Amino acid sequence: MIFRALLASAFLFTANAHAADFSKGSKAKEWNLYGEEKALFSGKVVDILCELTGNCAANCGDGKRHMGIVRSADNQLIAVLKNRQASFNGATEDLLPYCNKMVDVDGLMIGEDEVVTTKFYMVQLIRISGEDKWNKTTRWTKQWRAKNPEAKGKGAWFRRDPRVKKQLAKTGHFGLGLEFDAKYLEENE
């Protein structure tokens, strides 16, 4: 059921994601990504699963669900999949304090207009609607460190993450089992 809802949501997220030009006034940092456009808009932070199915959890799932923004200008549900940090992490930690609140956001809309299901939003700045001070969306790393004090060290966070290590120990690096990994290493060393 969740998979179907997320699949259906891909069309809802972005069907009219660029119906208007939201770049005016944006201070977002460009990343030179294919199909990127600056986007500054206001909207309500929501739990995507709740918004699409009515399966709602307290406090937008306490960080265990993907979050989005229902844009005020056109009532479109915008998938927010990335924060401003360069590491591979999402925006849930940055959006969670704003659960069900009206916000202003500044960032990048990424994807092609012709390929509707590829559009997503990379939020870089957020604030309660109408406030003066913007907050950078960089909470993820601090939150991850606080949740994983045993994963100290240098290098990419995902190489030290206990959840990633547990999954790799179970299914291997290719997701095909430890036997496959061993055979691959044997054949390719």
C-alpha atoms as a PDB file:
ATOM      1  CA  MET A   1       0.000   0.000   0.000  1.00  0.00           C
ATOM      2  CA  ILE A   2       2.793   2.426   0.886  1.00  0.00           C
ATOM      3  CA  PHE A   3       4.622   1.656  -2.366  1.00  0.00           C
ATOM      4  CA  ARG A   4       1.493   2.316  -4.421  1.00  0.00           C
ATOM      5  CA  ALA A   5       0.890   5.576  -2.596  1.00  0.00           C
ATOM      6  CA  LEU A   6       4.459   6.724  -3.196  1.00  0.00           C
ATOM      7  CA  LEU A   7       4.291   5.694  -6.842  1.00  0.00           C
ATOM      8  CA  ALA A   8       1.045   7.593  -7.328  1.00  0.00           C
ATOM      9  CA  SER A   9       2.510  10.521  -5.462  1.00  0.00           C
ATOM     10  CA  ALA A  10       5.304  10.898  -7.993  1.00  0.00           C
ATOM     11  CA  PHE A  11       2.725  12.249 -10.401  1.00  0.00           C
ATOM     12  CA  LEU A  12       1.048  14.433  -7.791  1.00  0.00           C
ATOM     13  CA  PHE A  13       4.323  15.911  -6.533  1.00  0.00           C
ATOM     14  CA  THR A  14       5.361  17.329  -9.778  1.00  0.00           C
ATOM     15  CA  ALA A  15       2.544  17.390 -12.289  1.00  0.00           C
ATOM     16  CA  ASN A  16       2.557  21.179 -12.173  1.00  0.00           C
ATOM     17  CA  ALA A  17       5.735  21.681 -10.182  1.00  0.00           C
ATOM     18  CA  HIS A  18       6.874  24.394 -12.550  1.00  0.00           C
ATOM     19  CA  ALA A  19       3.572  25.969 -13.508  1.00  0.00           C
ATOM     20  CA  ALA A  20       5.023  29.331 -12.432  1.00  0.00           C
ATOM     21  CA  ASP A  21       8.472  30.879 -12.101  1.00  0.00           C
ATOM     22  CA  PHE A  22       9.527  30.648  -8.455  1.00  0.00           C
ATOM     23  CA  SER A  23      13.107  31.843  -8.995  1.00  0.00           C
ATOM     24  CA  LYS A  24      12.491  35.533  -8.285  1.00  0.00           C
ATOM     25  CA  GLY A  25      14.305  36.616  -5.112  1.00  0.00           C
ATOM     26  CA  SER A  26      15.941  33.234  -4.552  1.00  0.00           C
ATOM     27  CA  LYS A  27      19.351  33.246  -2.863  1.00  0.00           C
ATOM     28  CA  ALA A  28      19.849  29.484  -3.317  1.00  0.00           C
ATOM     29  CA  LYS A  29      23.327  28.258  -4.153  1.00  0.00           C
ATOM     30  CA  GLU A  30      23.440  26.660  -7.580  1.00  0.00           C
ATOM     31  CA  TRP A  31      25.005  23.198  -7.863  1.00  0.00           C
ATOM     32  CA  ASN A  32      25.099  23.041 -11.666  1.00  0.00           C
ATOM     33  CA  LEU A  33      22.874  19.982 -11.680  1.00  0.00           C
ATOM     34  CA  TYR A  34      20.971  18.959 -14.775  1.00  0.00           C
ATOM     35  CA  GLY A  35      17.575  20.647 -14.840  1.00  0.00           C
ATOM     36  CA  GLU A  36      18.107  22.726 -11.696  1.00  0.00           C
ATOM     37  CA  GLU A  37      16.131  25.912 -11.114  1.00  0.00           C
ATOM     38  CA  LYS A  38      16.157  28.207  -8.129  1.00  0.00           C
ATOM     39  CA  ALA A  39      12.851  28.099  -6.292  1.00  0.00           C
ATOM     40  CA  LEU A  40      11.639  30.351  -3.473  1.00  0.00           C
ATOM     41  CA  PHE A  41       8.108  29.735  -2.215  1.00  0.00           C
ATOM     42  CA  SER A  42       5.837  29.388   0.810  1.00  0.00           C
ATOM     43  CA  GLY A  43       3.819  26.404   1.916  1.00  0.00           C
ATOM     44  CA  LYS A  44       2.884  23.958   4.639  1.00  0.00           C
ATOM     45  CA  VAL A  45       5.337  21.256   5.765  1.00  0.00           C
ATOM     46  CA  VAL A  46       3.592  17.874   5.678  1.00  0.00           C
ATOM     47  CA  ASP A  47       4.151  14.165   6.186  1.00  0.00           C
ATOM     48  CA  ILE A  48       3.870  12.877   2.601  1.00  0.00           C
ATOM     49  CA  LEU A  49       2.276   9.543   3.522  1.00  0.00           C
ATOM     50  CA  CYS A  50      -0.293  11.346   5.649  1.00  0.00           C
ATOM     51  CA  GLU A  51      -1.016  13.828   2.889  1.00  0.00           C
ATOM     52  CA  LEU A  52      -1.558  11.127   0.271  1.00  0.00           C
ATOM     53  CA  THR A  53      -3.268   8.342   2.190  1.00  0.00           C
ATOM     54  CA  GLY A  54      -4.630   9.787   5.414  1.00  0.00           C
ATOM     55  CA  ASN A  55      -2.303   7.446   7.364  1.00  0.00           C
ATOM     56  CA  CYS A  56      -1.061  10.117   9.747  1.00  0.00           C
ATOM     57  CA  ALA A  57       1.407   9.807  12.607  1.00  0.00           C
ATOM     58  CA  ALA A  58       2.007  12.228  15.463  1.00  0.00           C
ATOM     59  CA  ASN A  59       4.608  14.917  14.722  1.00  0.00           C
ATOM     60  CA  CYS A  60       4.898  13.895  11.053  1.00  0.00           C
ATOM     61  CA  GLY A  61       6.287  10.496  12.056  1.00  0.00           C
ATOM     62  CA  ASP A  62       9.070  11.848  14.283  1.00  0.00           C
ATOM     63  CA  GLY A  63      11.575  11.721  11.427  1.00  0.00           C
ATOM     64  CA  LYS A  64      10.682   8.243  10.175  1.00  0.00           C
ATOM     65  CA  ARG A  65       8.679   9.440   7.162  1.00  0.00           C
ATOM     66  CA  HIS A  66       9.484  11.499   4.099  1.00  0.00           C
ATOM     67  CA  MET A  67       8.265  15.040   4.268  1.00  0.00           C
ATOM     68  CA  GLY A  68       7.184  17.535   1.691  1.00  0.00           C
ATOM     69  CA  ILE A  69       5.670  20.965   1.294  1.00  0.00           C
ATOM     70  CA  VAL A  70       2.235  21.804  -0.024  1.00  0.00           C
ATOM     71  CA  ARG A  71       3.066  24.956  -1.949  1.00  0.00           C
ATOM     72  CA  SER A  72       0.661  27.817  -1.218  1.00  0.00           C
ATOM     73  CA  ALA A  73       0.796  29.350  -4.705  1.00  0.00           C
ATOM     74  CA  ASP A  74      -0.713  26.331  -6.469  1.00  0.00           C
ATOM     75  CA  ASN A  75      -1.509  23.728  -3.781  1.00  0.00           C
ATOM     76  CA  GLN A  76       1.068  21.302  -5.262  1.00  0.00           C
ATOM     77  CA  LEU A  77       2.725  18.703  -3.055  1.00  0.00           C
ATOM     78  CA  ILE A  78       6.472  19.178  -3.525  1.00  0.00           C
ATOM     79  CA  ALA A  79       8.776  16.284  -2.614  1.00  0.00           C
ATOM     80  CA  VAL A  80      11.661  17.593  -0.524  1.00  0.00           C
ATOM     81  CA  LEU A  81      14.371  14.972  -0.859  1.00  0.00           C
ATOM     82  CA  LYS A  82      17.568  16.836  -0.059  1.00  0.00           C
ATOM     83  CA  ASN A  83      18.965  19.489   2.259  1.00  0.00           C
ATOM     84  CA  ARG A  84      21.848  21.886   1.513  1.00  0.00           C
ATOM     85  CA  GLN A  85      24.630  19.577   2.702  1.00  0.00           C
ATOM     86  CA  ALA A  86      26.878  17.953   0.115  1.00  0.00           C
ATOM     87  CA  SER A  87      26.738  14.518   1.757  1.00  0.00           C
ATOM     88  CA  PHE A  88      24.057  12.025   0.755  1.00  0.00           C
ATOM     89  CA  ASN A  89      21.300  12.848   3.194  1.00  0.00           C
ATOM     90  CA  GLY A  90      17.726  13.989   3.122  1.00  0.00           C
ATOM     91  CA  ALA A  91      15.787  16.937   4.478  1.00  0.00           C
ATOM     92  CA  THR A  92      13.555  15.276   7.065  1.00  0.00           C
ATOM     93  CA  GLU A  93      15.657  16.414  10.040  1.00  0.00           C
ATOM     94  CA  ASP A  94      15.501  19.988   8.766  1.00  0.00           C
ATOM     95  CA  LEU A  95      11.758  19.925   8.053  1.00  0.00           C
ATOM     96  CA  LEU A  96      10.622  18.087  11.195  1.00  0.00           C
ATOM     97  CA  PRO A  97      10.683  21.152  13.508  1.00  0.00           C
ATOM     98  CA  TYR A  98       8.250  22.777  11.051  1.00  0.00           C
ATOM     99  CA  CYS A  99       5.769  19.880  10.900  1.00  0.00           C
ATOM    100  CA  ASN A 100       2.328  21.215   9.865  1.00  0.00           C
ATOM    101  CA  LYS A 101       3.574  24.822   9.947  1.00  0.00           C
ATOM    102  CA  MET A 102       3.612  27.441   7.227  1.00  0.00           C
ATOM    103  CA  VAL A 103       7.148  28.122   6.021  1.00  0.00           C
ATOM    104  CA  ASP A 104       9.119  30.024   3.422  1.00  0.00           C
ATOM    105  CA  VAL A 105      11.764  27.917   1.677  1.00  0.00           C
ATOM    106  CA  ASP A 106      14.558  28.687  -0.739  1.00  0.00           C
ATOM    107  CA  GLY A 107      16.387  26.038  -2.713  1.00  0.00           C
ATOM    108  CA  LEU A 108      16.604  24.231  -6.003  1.00  0.00           C
ATOM    109  CA  MET A 109      13.966  22.377  -7.979  1.00  0.00           C
ATOM    110  CA  ILE A 110      15.786  19.551  -9.759  1.00  0.00           C
ATOM    111  CA  GLY A 111      14.686  17.541 -12.771  1.00  0.00           C
ATOM    112  CA  GLU A 112      13.177  17.771 -16.223  1.00  0.00           C
ATOM    113  CA  ASP A 113       9.826  19.328 -17.040  1.00  0.00           C
ATOM    114  CA  GLU A 114       9.213  16.672 -19.687  1.00  0.00           C
ATOM    115  CA  VAL A 115       9.837  13.808 -17.263  1.00  0.00           C
ATOM    116  CA  VAL A 116       7.247  14.613 -14.625  1.00  0.00           C
ATOM    117  CA  THR A 117       8.273  11.969 -12.091  1.00  0.00           C
ATOM    118  CA  THR A 118      11.862  13.201 -11.781  1.00  0.00           C
ATOM    119  CA  LYS A 119      11.222  16.592 -10.157  1.00  0.00           C
ATOM    120  CA  PHE A 120      12.215  17.043  -6.538  1.00  0.00           C
ATOM    121  CA  TYR A 121      13.175  19.913  -4.260  1.00  0.00           C
ATOM    122  CA  MET A 122      16.488  20.542  -2.524  1.00  0.00           C
ATOM    123  CA  VAL A 123      15.784  22.915   0.359  1.00  0.00           C
ATOM    124  CA  GLN A 124      18.686  25.127   1.398  1.00  0.00           C
ATOM    125  CA  LEU A 125      17.021  27.750   3.604  1.00  0.00           C
ATOM    126  CA  ILE A 126      13.857  27.629   5.705  1.00  0.00           C
ATOM    127  CA  ARG A 127      11.976  29.907   8.081  1.00  0.00           C
ATOM    128  CA  ILE A 128       8.514  30.286   9.585  1.00  0.00           C
ATOM    129  CA  SER A 129       6.487  32.236   7.023  1.00  0.00           C
ATOM    130  CA  GLY A 130       6.952  35.955   7.424  1.00  0.00           C
ATOM    131  CA  GLU A 131       9.940  35.809   9.791  1.00  0.00           C
ATOM    132  CA  ASP A 132      13.133  37.649   8.859  1.00  0.00           C
ATOM    133  CA  LYS A 133      15.817  35.115   9.830  1.00  0.00           C
ATOM    134  CA  TRP A 134      16.516  32.210   7.513  1.00  0.00           C
ATOM    135  CA  ASN A 135      17.841  28.908   8.895  1.00  0.00           C
ATOM    136  CA  LYS A 136      20.300  26.831   6.881  1.00  0.00           C
ATOM    137  CA  THR A 137      19.223  23.233   6.363  1.00  0.00           C
ATOM    138  CA  THR A 138      22.241  21.560   7.944  1.00  0.00           C
ATOM    139  CA  ARG A 139      20.687  19.739  10.929  1.00  0.00           C
ATOM    140  CA  TRP A 140      21.106  16.238   9.501  1.00  0.00           C
ATOM    141  CA  THR A 141      24.780  15.681  10.345  1.00  0.00           C
ATOM    142  CA  LYS A 142      24.427  16.855  13.953  1.00  0.00           C
ATOM    143  CA  GLN A 143      21.309  14.722  14.429  1.00  0.00           C
ATOM    144  CA  TRP A 144      23.018  11.659  12.917  1.00  0.00           C
ATOM    145  CA  ARG A 145      26.045  12.079  15.212  1.00  0.00           C
ATOM    146  CA  ALA A 146      23.802  12.402  18.254  1.00  0.00           C
ATOM    147  CA  LYS A 147      21.907   9.219  17.318  1.00  0.00           C
ATOM    148  CA  ASN A 148      25.090   7.275  16.484  1.00  0.00           C
ATOM    149  CA  PRO A 149      27.811   8.193  19.016  1.00  0.00           C
ATOM    150  CA  GLU A 150      29.519   4.821  18.444  1.00  0.00           C
ATOM    151  CA  ALA A 151      30.067   5.669  14.762  1.00  0.00           C
ATOM    152  CA  LYS A 152      32.817   8.225  15.312  1.00  0.00           C
ATOM    153  CA  GLY A 153      35.578   8.503  12.766  1.00  0.00           C
ATOM    154  CA  LYS A 154      36.546  10.065   9.502  1.00  0.00           C
ATOM    155  CA  GLY A 155      35.123   9.546   6.068  1.00  0.00           C
ATOM    156  CA  ALA A 156      31.618   9.242   4.698  1.00  0.00           C
ATOM    157  CA  TRP A 157      28.925   8.831   7.354  1.00  0.00           C
ATOM    158  CA  PHE A 158      27.256   5.927   5.526  1.00  0.00           C
ATOM    159  CA  ARG A 159      30.409   3.813   5.808  1.00  0.00           C
ATOM    160  CA  ARG A 160      30.121   4.065   9.610  1.00  0.00           C
ATOM    161  CA  ASP A 161      26.328   4.003   9.981  1.00  0.00           C
ATOM    162  CA  PRO A 162      25.176   1.020  12.103  1.00  0.00           C
ATOM    163  CA  ARG A 163      22.046   0.553   9.964  1.00  0.00           C
ATOM    164  CA  VAL A 164      24.091   0.383   6.770  1.00  0.00           C
ATOM    165  CA  LYS A 165      26.589  -2.024   8.341  1.00  0.00           C
ATOM    166  CA  LYS A 166      23.751  -4.257   9.554  1.00  0.00           C
ATOM    167  CA  GLN A 167      22.202  -4.356   6.083  1.00  0.00           C
ATOM    168  CA  LEU A 168      25.541  -5.094   4.415  1.00  0.00           C
ATOM    169  CA  ALA A 169      26.174  -7.935   6.882  1.00  0.00           C
ATOM    170  CA  LYS A 170      22.790  -9.378   5.973  1.00  0.00           C
ATOM    171  CA  THR A 171      22.639  -8.943   2.184  1.00  0.00           C
ATOM    172  CA  GLY A 172      26.171  -8.027   1.083  1.00  0.00           C
ATOM    173  CA  HIS A 173      27.315  -5.021  -0.911  1.00  0.00           C
ATOM    174  CA  PHE A 174      25.297  -5.928  -3.995  1.00  0.00           C
ATOM    175  CA  GLY A 175      22.164  -6.935  -2.087  1.00  0.00           C
ATOM    176  CA  LEU A 176      22.509 -10.453  -3.510  1.00  0.00           C
ATOM    177  CA  GLY A 177      23.888 -12.185  -0.429  1.00  0.00           C
ATOM    178  CA  LEU A 178      27.271 -12.662   1.176  1.00  0.00           C
ATOM    179  CA  GLU A 179      28.044 -15.664  -1.040  1.00  0.00           C
ATOM    180  CA  PHE A 180      27.720 -13.496  -4.143  1.00  0.00           C
ATOM    181  CA  ASP A 181      30.067 -10.883  -2.643  1.00  0.00           C
ATOM    182  CA  ALA A 182      32.656 -13.564  -1.840  1.00  0.00           C
ATOM    183  CA  LYS A 183      32.427 -15.027  -5.355  1.00  0.00           C
ATOM    184  CA  TYR A 184      32.714 -11.581  -6.931  1.00  0.00           C
ATOM    185  CA  LEU A 185      35.812 -10.727  -4.863  1.00  0.00           C
ATOM    186  CA  GLU A 186      37.384 -14.054  -5.725  1.00  0.00           C
ATOM    187  CA  GLU A 187      36.804 -13.540  -9.453  1.00  0.00           C
ATOM    188  CA  ASN A 188      37.811  -9.874  -9.547  1.00  0.00           C
ATOM    189  CA  GLU A 189      40.867  -9.540  -7.353  1.00  0.00           C
END
